[in-house]
C-alpha atoms as a PDB file:
ATOM      1  CA  UNK A   1      24.661 -25.590 -32.953  1.00  0.00           C
ATOM      2  CA  UNK A   2      21.464 -23.546 -32.595  1.00  0.00           C
ATOM      3  CA  UNK A   3      21.534 -19.833 -33.271  1.00  0.00           C
ATOM      4  CA  UNK A   4      21.301 -17.668 -30.150  1.00  0.00           C
ATOM      5  CA  UNK A   5      18.055 -15.822 -29.569  1.00  0.00           C
ATOM      6  CA  UNK A   6      17.889 -12.266 -30.939  1.00  0.00           C
ATOM      7  CA  UNK A   7      17.772 -10.031 -27.813  1.00  0.00           C
ATOM      8  CA  UNK A   8      15.969  -7.163 -29.570  1.00  0.00           C
ATOM      9  CA  UNK A   9      13.269  -9.462 -30.967  1.00  0.00           C
ATOM     10  CA  UNK A  10      12.945 -11.228 -27.613  1.00  0.00           C
ATOM     11  CA  UNK A  11      12.602  -7.891 -25.787  1.00  0.00           C
ATOM     12  CA  UNK A  12       9.961  -6.656 -28.248  1.00  0.00           C
ATOM     13  CA  UNK A  13       8.081  -9.955 -27.956  1.00  0.00           C
ATOM     14  CA  UNK A  14       8.150  -9.715 -24.152  1.00  0.00           C
ATOM     15  CA  UNK A  15       6.798  -6.155 -24.276  1.00  0.00           C
ATOM     16  CA  UNK A  16       3.933  -7.176 -26.585  1.00  0.00           C
ATOM     17  CA  UNK A  17       3.222 -10.334 -24.538  1.00  0.00           C
ATOM     18  CA  UNK A  18       3.037  -8.209 -21.384  1.00  0.00           C
ATOM     19  CA  UNK A  19       0.607  -5.823 -23.107  1.00  0.00           C
ATOM     20  CA  UNK A  20      -1.492  -8.839 -24.152  1.00  0.00           C
ATOM     21  CA  UNK A  21      -1.595 -10.332 -20.655  1.00  0.00           C
ATOM     22  CA  UNK A  22      -2.435  -6.963 -19.092  1.00  0.00           C
ATOM     23  CA  UNK A  23      -5.365  -6.690 -21.502  1.00  0.00           C
ATOM     24  CA  UNK A  24      -6.565 -10.323 -21.354  1.00  0.00           C
ATOM     25  CA  UNK A  25      -5.235 -11.793 -18.103  1.00  0.00           C
ATOM     26  CA  UNK A  26      -3.530 -15.114 -17.517  1.00  0.00           C
ATOM     27  CA  UNK A  27      -6.564 -17.350 -17.028  1.00  0.00           C
ATOM     28  CA  UNK A  28      -6.606 -19.877 -19.818  1.00  0.00           C
ATOM     29  CA  UNK A  29      -3.536 -18.382 -21.485  1.00  0.00           C
ATOM     30  CA  UNK A  30      -2.457 -20.632 -24.306  1.00  0.00           C
ATOM     31  CA  UNK A  31       0.670 -20.171 -26.366  1.00  0.00           C
ATOM     32  CA  UNK A  32      -1.005 -20.650 -29.754  1.00  0.00           C
ATOM     33  CA  UNK A  33      -3.504 -17.739 -29.413  1.00  0.00           C
ATOM     34  CA  UNK A  34      -0.838 -15.607 -27.706  1.00  0.00           C
ATOM     35  CA  UNK A  35       1.599 -16.224 -30.568  1.00  0.00           C
ATOM     36  CA  UNK A  36      -1.080 -15.414 -33.139  1.00  0.00           C
ATOM     37  CA  UNK A  37      -1.922 -12.157 -31.353  1.00  0.00           C
ATOM     38  CA  UNK A  38       1.765 -11.246 -31.285  1.00  0.00           C
ATOM     39  CA  UNK A  39       2.323 -12.087 -34.937  1.00  0.00           C
ATOM     40  CA  UNK A  40       4.760 -14.884 -34.161  1.00  0.00           C
ATOM     41  CA  UNK A  41       4.660 -18.643 -33.684  1.00  0.00           C
ATOM     42  CA  UNK A  42       4.621 -20.887 -30.642  1.00  0.00           C
ATOM     43  CA  UNK A  43       7.947 -22.262 -31.866  1.00  0.00           C
ATOM     44  CA  UNK A  44       9.510 -18.783 -31.671  1.00  0.00           C
ATOM     45  CA  UNK A  45       8.009 -18.145 -28.221  1.00  0.00           C
ATOM     46  CA  UNK A  46       9.531 -21.391 -26.987  1.00  0.00           C
ATOM     47  CA  UNK A  47      12.819 -20.613 -28.743  1.00  0.00           C
ATOM     48  CA  UNK A  48      13.035 -17.216 -27.033  1.00  0.00           C
ATOM     49  CA  UNK A  49      11.668 -18.139 -23.593  1.00  0.00           C
ATOM     50  CA  UNK A  50      12.234 -21.876 -23.190  1.00  0.00           C
ATOM     51  CA  UNK A  51       8.796 -22.779 -21.887  1.00  0.00           C
ATOM     52  CA  UNK A  52       5.448 -21.265 -20.993  1.00  0.00           C
ATOM     53  CA  UNK A  53       6.282 -20.975 -17.274  1.00  0.00           C
ATOM     54  CA  UNK A  54       9.420 -18.946 -17.967  1.00  0.00           C
ATOM     55  CA  UNK A  55       7.533 -16.708 -20.389  1.00  0.00           C
ATOM     56  CA  UNK A  56       4.834 -16.068 -17.767  1.00  0.00           C
ATOM     57  CA  UNK A  57       7.472 -15.410 -15.114  1.00  0.00           C
ATOM     58  CA  UNK A  58       9.146 -12.839 -17.349  1.00  0.00           C
ATOM     59  CA  UNK A  59       5.803 -11.245 -18.260  1.00  0.00           C
ATOM     60  CA  UNK A  60       4.990 -10.839 -14.554  1.00  0.00           C
ATOM     61  CA  UNK A  61       8.433  -9.378 -13.864  1.00  0.00           C
ATOM     62  CA  UNK A  62       7.962  -6.925 -16.747  1.00  0.00           C
ATOM     63  CA  UNK A  63       4.511  -5.914 -15.464  1.00  0.00           C
ATOM     64  CA  UNK A  64       5.964  -5.318 -11.968  1.00  0.00           C
ATOM     65  CA  UNK A  65       8.809  -3.280 -13.476  1.00  0.00           C
ATOM     66  CA  UNK A  66       6.391  -1.145 -15.472  1.00  0.00           C
ATOM     67  CA  UNK A  67       4.200  -0.492 -12.453  1.00  0.00           C
ATOM     68  CA  UNK A  68       7.237   0.428 -10.317  1.00  0.00           C
ATOM     69  CA  UNK A  69       8.364   2.829 -13.049  1.00  0.00           C
ATOM     70  CA  UNK A  70       4.908   4.416 -13.191  1.00  0.00           C
ATOM     71  CA  UNK A  71       4.876   4.789  -9.402  1.00  0.00           C
ATOM     72  CA  UNK A  72       8.408   6.146  -8.988  1.00  0.00           C
ATOM     73  CA  UNK A  73       8.397   9.676  -7.652  1.00  0.00           C
ATOM     74  CA  UNK A  74       4.617  10.112  -7.655  1.00  0.00           C
ATOM     75  CA  UNK A  75       4.284  10.585  -3.887  1.00  0.00           C
ATOM     76  CA  UNK A  76       6.509  12.703  -1.662  1.00  0.00           C
ATOM     77  CA  UNK A  77       5.805  11.122   1.707  1.00  0.00           C
ATOM     78  CA  UNK A  78       8.353  13.251   3.562  1.00  0.00           C
ATOM     79  CA  UNK A  79       5.847  16.021   4.230  1.00  0.00           C
ATOM     80  CA  UNK A  80       2.739  13.839   4.635  1.00  0.00           C
ATOM     81  CA  UNK A  81       1.269  12.087   7.636  1.00  0.00           C
ATOM     82  CA  UNK A  82       1.041   8.306   7.417  1.00  0.00           C
ATOM     83  CA  UNK A  83      -2.708   8.616   6.777  1.00  0.00           C
ATOM     84  CA  UNK A  84      -2.236  11.170   4.005  1.00  0.00           C
ATOM     85  CA  UNK A  85       0.467   8.980   2.484  1.00  0.00           C
ATOM     86  CA  UNK A  86      -1.943   6.027   2.447  1.00  0.00           C
ATOM     87  CA  UNK A  87      -4.608   8.259   0.863  1.00  0.00           C
ATOM     88  CA  UNK A  88      -2.144   9.378  -1.836  1.00  0.00           C
ATOM     89  CA  UNK A  89      -1.106   5.784  -2.551  1.00  0.00           C
ATOM     90  CA  UNK A  90      -4.796   4.794  -2.697  1.00  0.00           C
ATOM     91  CA  UNK A  91      -5.584   7.592  -5.146  1.00  0.00           C
ATOM     92  CA  UNK A  92      -2.734   6.463  -7.375  1.00  0.00           C
ATOM     93  CA  UNK A  93      -3.626   2.771  -7.182  1.00  0.00           C
ATOM     94  CA  UNK A  94      -7.319   3.355  -7.887  1.00  0.00           C
ATOM     95  CA  UNK A  95      -6.639   5.479 -10.951  1.00  0.00           C
ATOM     96  CA  UNK A  96      -8.070   3.533 -13.919  1.00  0.00           C
ATOM     97  CA  UNK A  97      -4.599   3.417 -15.516  1.00  0.00           C
ATOM     98  CA  UNK A  98      -3.472   0.956 -12.830  1.00  0.00           C
ATOM     99  CA  UNK A  99      -6.520  -1.359 -13.114  1.00  0.00           C
ATOM    100  CA  UNK A 100      -4.941  -3.817 -15.610  1.00  0.00           C
ATOM    101  CA  UNK A 101      -1.942  -4.288 -13.324  1.00  0.00           C
ATOM    102  CA  UNK A 102      -4.101  -4.806 -10.239  1.00  0.00           C
ATOM    103  CA  UNK A 103      -6.372  -7.313 -11.988  1.00  0.00           C
ATOM    104  CA  UNK A 104      -3.320  -9.259 -13.152  1.00  0.00           C
ATOM    105  CA  UNK A 105      -1.659  -9.287  -9.738  1.00  0.00           C
ATOM    106  CA  UNK A 106      -4.823 -10.412  -7.970  1.00  0.00           C
ATOM    107  CA  UNK A 107      -5.294 -13.135 -10.561  1.00  0.00           C
ATOM    108  CA  UNK A 108      -1.756 -14.311  -9.860  1.00  0.00           C
ATOM    109  CA  UNK A 109      -2.344 -14.210  -6.083  1.00  0.00           C
ATOM    110  CA  UNK A 110      -5.342 -16.524  -6.438  1.00  0.00           C
ATOM    111  CA  UNK A 111      -3.465 -18.836  -8.789  1.00  0.00           C
ATOM    112  CA  UNK A 112      -0.535 -19.000  -6.353  1.00  0.00           C
ATOM    113  CA  UNK A 113      -2.886 -20.194  -3.611  1.00  0.00           C
ATOM    114  CA  UNK A 114      -4.226 -22.923  -5.889  1.00  0.00           C
ATOM    115  CA  UNK A 115      -0.861 -23.854  -7.418  1.00  0.00           C
ATOM    116  CA  UNK A 116       1.930 -22.786  -5.048  1.00  0.00           C
ATOM    117  CA  UNK A 117       4.477 -25.048  -6.746  1.00  0.00           C
ATOM    118  CA  UNK A 118       4.117 -22.957  -9.919  1.00  0.00           C
ATOM    119  CA  UNK A 119       5.577 -19.914  -8.147  1.00  0.00           C
ATOM    120  CA  UNK A 120       8.945 -19.212  -6.580  1.00  0.00           C
ATOM    121  CA  UNK A 121       8.862 -19.793  -2.832  1.00  0.00           C
ATOM    122  CA  UNK A 122       5.183 -20.837  -3.135  1.00  0.00           C
ATOM    123  CA  UNK A 123       4.216 -17.268  -4.037  1.00  0.00           C
ATOM    124  CA  UNK A 124       5.820 -15.510  -1.051  1.00  0.00           C
ATOM    125  CA  UNK A 125       7.396 -12.829  -3.299  1.00  0.00           C
ATOM    126  CA  UNK A 126       3.899 -11.924  -4.513  1.00  0.00           C
ATOM    127  CA  UNK A 127       3.226 -10.626  -1.005  1.00  0.00           C
ATOM    128  CA  UNK A 128       6.647  -9.192  -0.235  1.00  0.00           C
ATOM    129  CA  UNK A 129       6.634  -7.347  -3.583  1.00  0.00           C
ATOM    130  CA  UNK A 130       3.796  -5.207  -2.197  1.00  0.00           C
ATOM    131  CA  UNK A 131       5.924  -4.346   0.816  1.00  0.00           C
ATOM    132  CA  UNK A 132       8.867  -3.412  -1.395  1.00  0.00           C
ATOM    133  CA  UNK A 133       6.728  -1.596  -3.946  1.00  0.00           C
ATOM    134  CA  UNK A 134       4.584   0.474  -1.603  1.00  0.00           C
ATOM    135  CA  UNK A 135       7.115   0.601   1.194  1.00  0.00           C
ATOM    136  CA  UNK A 136       8.911   3.458  -0.498  1.00  0.00           C
ATOM    137  CA  UNK A 137       5.720   5.524  -0.442  1.00  0.00           C
ATOM    138  CA  UNK A 138       4.915   4.497   3.116  1.00  0.00           C
ATOM    139  CA  UNK A 139       8.421   5.356   4.272  1.00  0.00           C
ATOM    140  CA  UNK A 140       8.733   2.104   6.117  1.00  0.00           C
ATOM    141  CA  UNK A 141      11.573   3.656   8.082  1.00  0.00           C
ATOM    142  CA  UNK A 142       8.720   5.317  10.015  1.00  0.00           C
ATOM    143  CA  UNK A 143       6.783   2.047  10.397  1.00  0.00           C
ATOM    144  CA  UNK A 144       7.647  -1.198  12.074  1.00  0.00           C
ATOM    145  CA  UNK A 145       7.315  -4.286   9.806  1.00  0.00           C
ATOM    146  CA  UNK A 146       4.062  -5.408  11.419  1.00  0.00           C
ATOM    147  CA  UNK A 147       2.390  -2.010  10.907  1.00  0.00           C
ATOM    148  CA  UNK A 148       3.648  -1.850   7.319  1.00  0.00           C
ATOM    149  CA  UNK A 149       2.182  -5.333   6.756  1.00  0.00           C
ATOM    150  CA  UNK A 150      -1.129  -4.190   8.267  1.00  0.00           C
ATOM    151  CA  UNK A 151      -1.239  -1.132   6.012  1.00  0.00           C
ATOM    152  CA  UNK A 152      -0.382  -3.134   2.891  1.00  0.00           C
ATOM    153  CA  UNK A 153      -2.875  -5.886   3.799  1.00  0.00           C
ATOM    154  CA  UNK A 154      -5.642  -3.352   4.353  1.00  0.00           C
ATOM    155  CA  UNK A 155      -4.947  -1.481   1.120  1.00  0.00           C
ATOM    156  CA  UNK A 156      -4.675  -4.737  -0.821  1.00  0.00           C
ATOM    157  CA  UNK A 157      -7.928  -6.035   0.689  1.00  0.00           C
ATOM    158  CA  UNK A 158      -9.794  -2.829  -0.113  1.00  0.00           C
ATOM    159  CA  UNK A 159      -8.420  -2.889  -3.667  1.00  0.00           C
ATOM    160  CA  UNK A 160      -9.628  -6.455  -4.112  1.00  0.00           C
ATOM    161  CA  UNK A 161     -13.028  -5.455  -2.706  1.00  0.00           C
ATOM    162  CA  UNK A 162     -13.233  -2.470  -5.068  1.00  0.00           C
ATOM    163  CA  UNK A 163     -12.243  -4.460  -8.150  1.00  0.00           C
ATOM    164  CA  UNK A 164     -14.642  -7.277  -7.282  1.00  0.00           C
ATOM    165  CA  UNK A 165     -17.682  -5.216  -6.262  1.00  0.00           C
ATOM    166  CA  UNK A 166     -17.183  -2.098  -8.358  1.00  0.00           C
ATOM    167  CA  UNK A 167     -18.055  -0.006  -5.289  1.00  0.00           C
ATOM    168  CA  UNK A 168     -15.596   2.899  -5.199  1.00  0.00           C
ATOM    169  CA  UNK A 169     -17.596   5.061  -2.792  1.00  0.00           C
ATOM    170  CA  UNK A 170     -17.705   2.476   0.005  1.00  0.00           C
ATOM    171  CA  UNK A 171     -14.077   1.413  -0.425  1.00  0.00           C
ATOM    172  CA  UNK A 172     -12.931   5.059  -0.544  1.00  0.00           C
ATOM    173  CA  UNK A 173     -14.785   5.728   2.727  1.00  0.00           C
ATOM    174  CA  UNK A 174     -13.256   2.618   4.297  1.00  0.00           C
ATOM    175  CA  UNK A 175      -9.768   3.666   3.196  1.00  0.00           C
ATOM    176  CA  UNK A 176     -10.292   7.156   4.630  1.00  0.00           C
ATOM    177  CA  UNK A 177     -11.460   5.672   7.926  1.00  0.00           C
ATOM    178  CA  UNK A 178      -8.357   3.459   8.021  1.00  0.00           C
ATOM    179  CA  UNK A 179      -6.082   6.432   7.198  1.00  0.00           C
ATOM    180  CA  UNK A 180      -7.667   8.393  10.072  1.00  0.00           C
ATOM    181  CA  UNK A 181      -7.007   5.447  12.410  1.00  0.00           C
ATOM    182  CA  UNK A 182      -3.313   5.175  11.568  1.00  0.00           C
ATOM    183  CA  UNK A 183      -2.875   8.913  12.130  1.00  0.00           C
ATOM    184  CA  UNK A 184      -4.809   8.744  15.399  1.00  0.00           C
END
């Protein structure tokens, strides 16, 4: 009978693997270089996580958890207008500290379009996660689901534009225009 995986080692490996993927992305991720960077072996990665797909799934879940933890309590939307709430969320998201998370999530979005079978529910949770994640800041109790989807889609699109073009001034102006419109 095989020995059970060591939970502490597995947890530490997952944390380091998440750090690695946040720094290097998922494109072309191979277990051998990942294992070498983590100071382990591909055999141990497979022992702890079963297969590459499960490891990636757990890395993505860990990255989402970390980002949620970073975001928790940063915006008190109770006293803000919807537009000011969107501006506050934008300021937080566009802080350079969040850039590795955003690059990773956009990379996963594109991959899910190309390979929907590789993701649960063909990638649907990748979209609904944004609603859950930012919904707390948007106080979706004040927004109908369609308006919340519009806000999230606009913010996500402007983030993608900003990360792709490197044009913060234009995307900041566009976000401010959008925030004015939803307050109007």
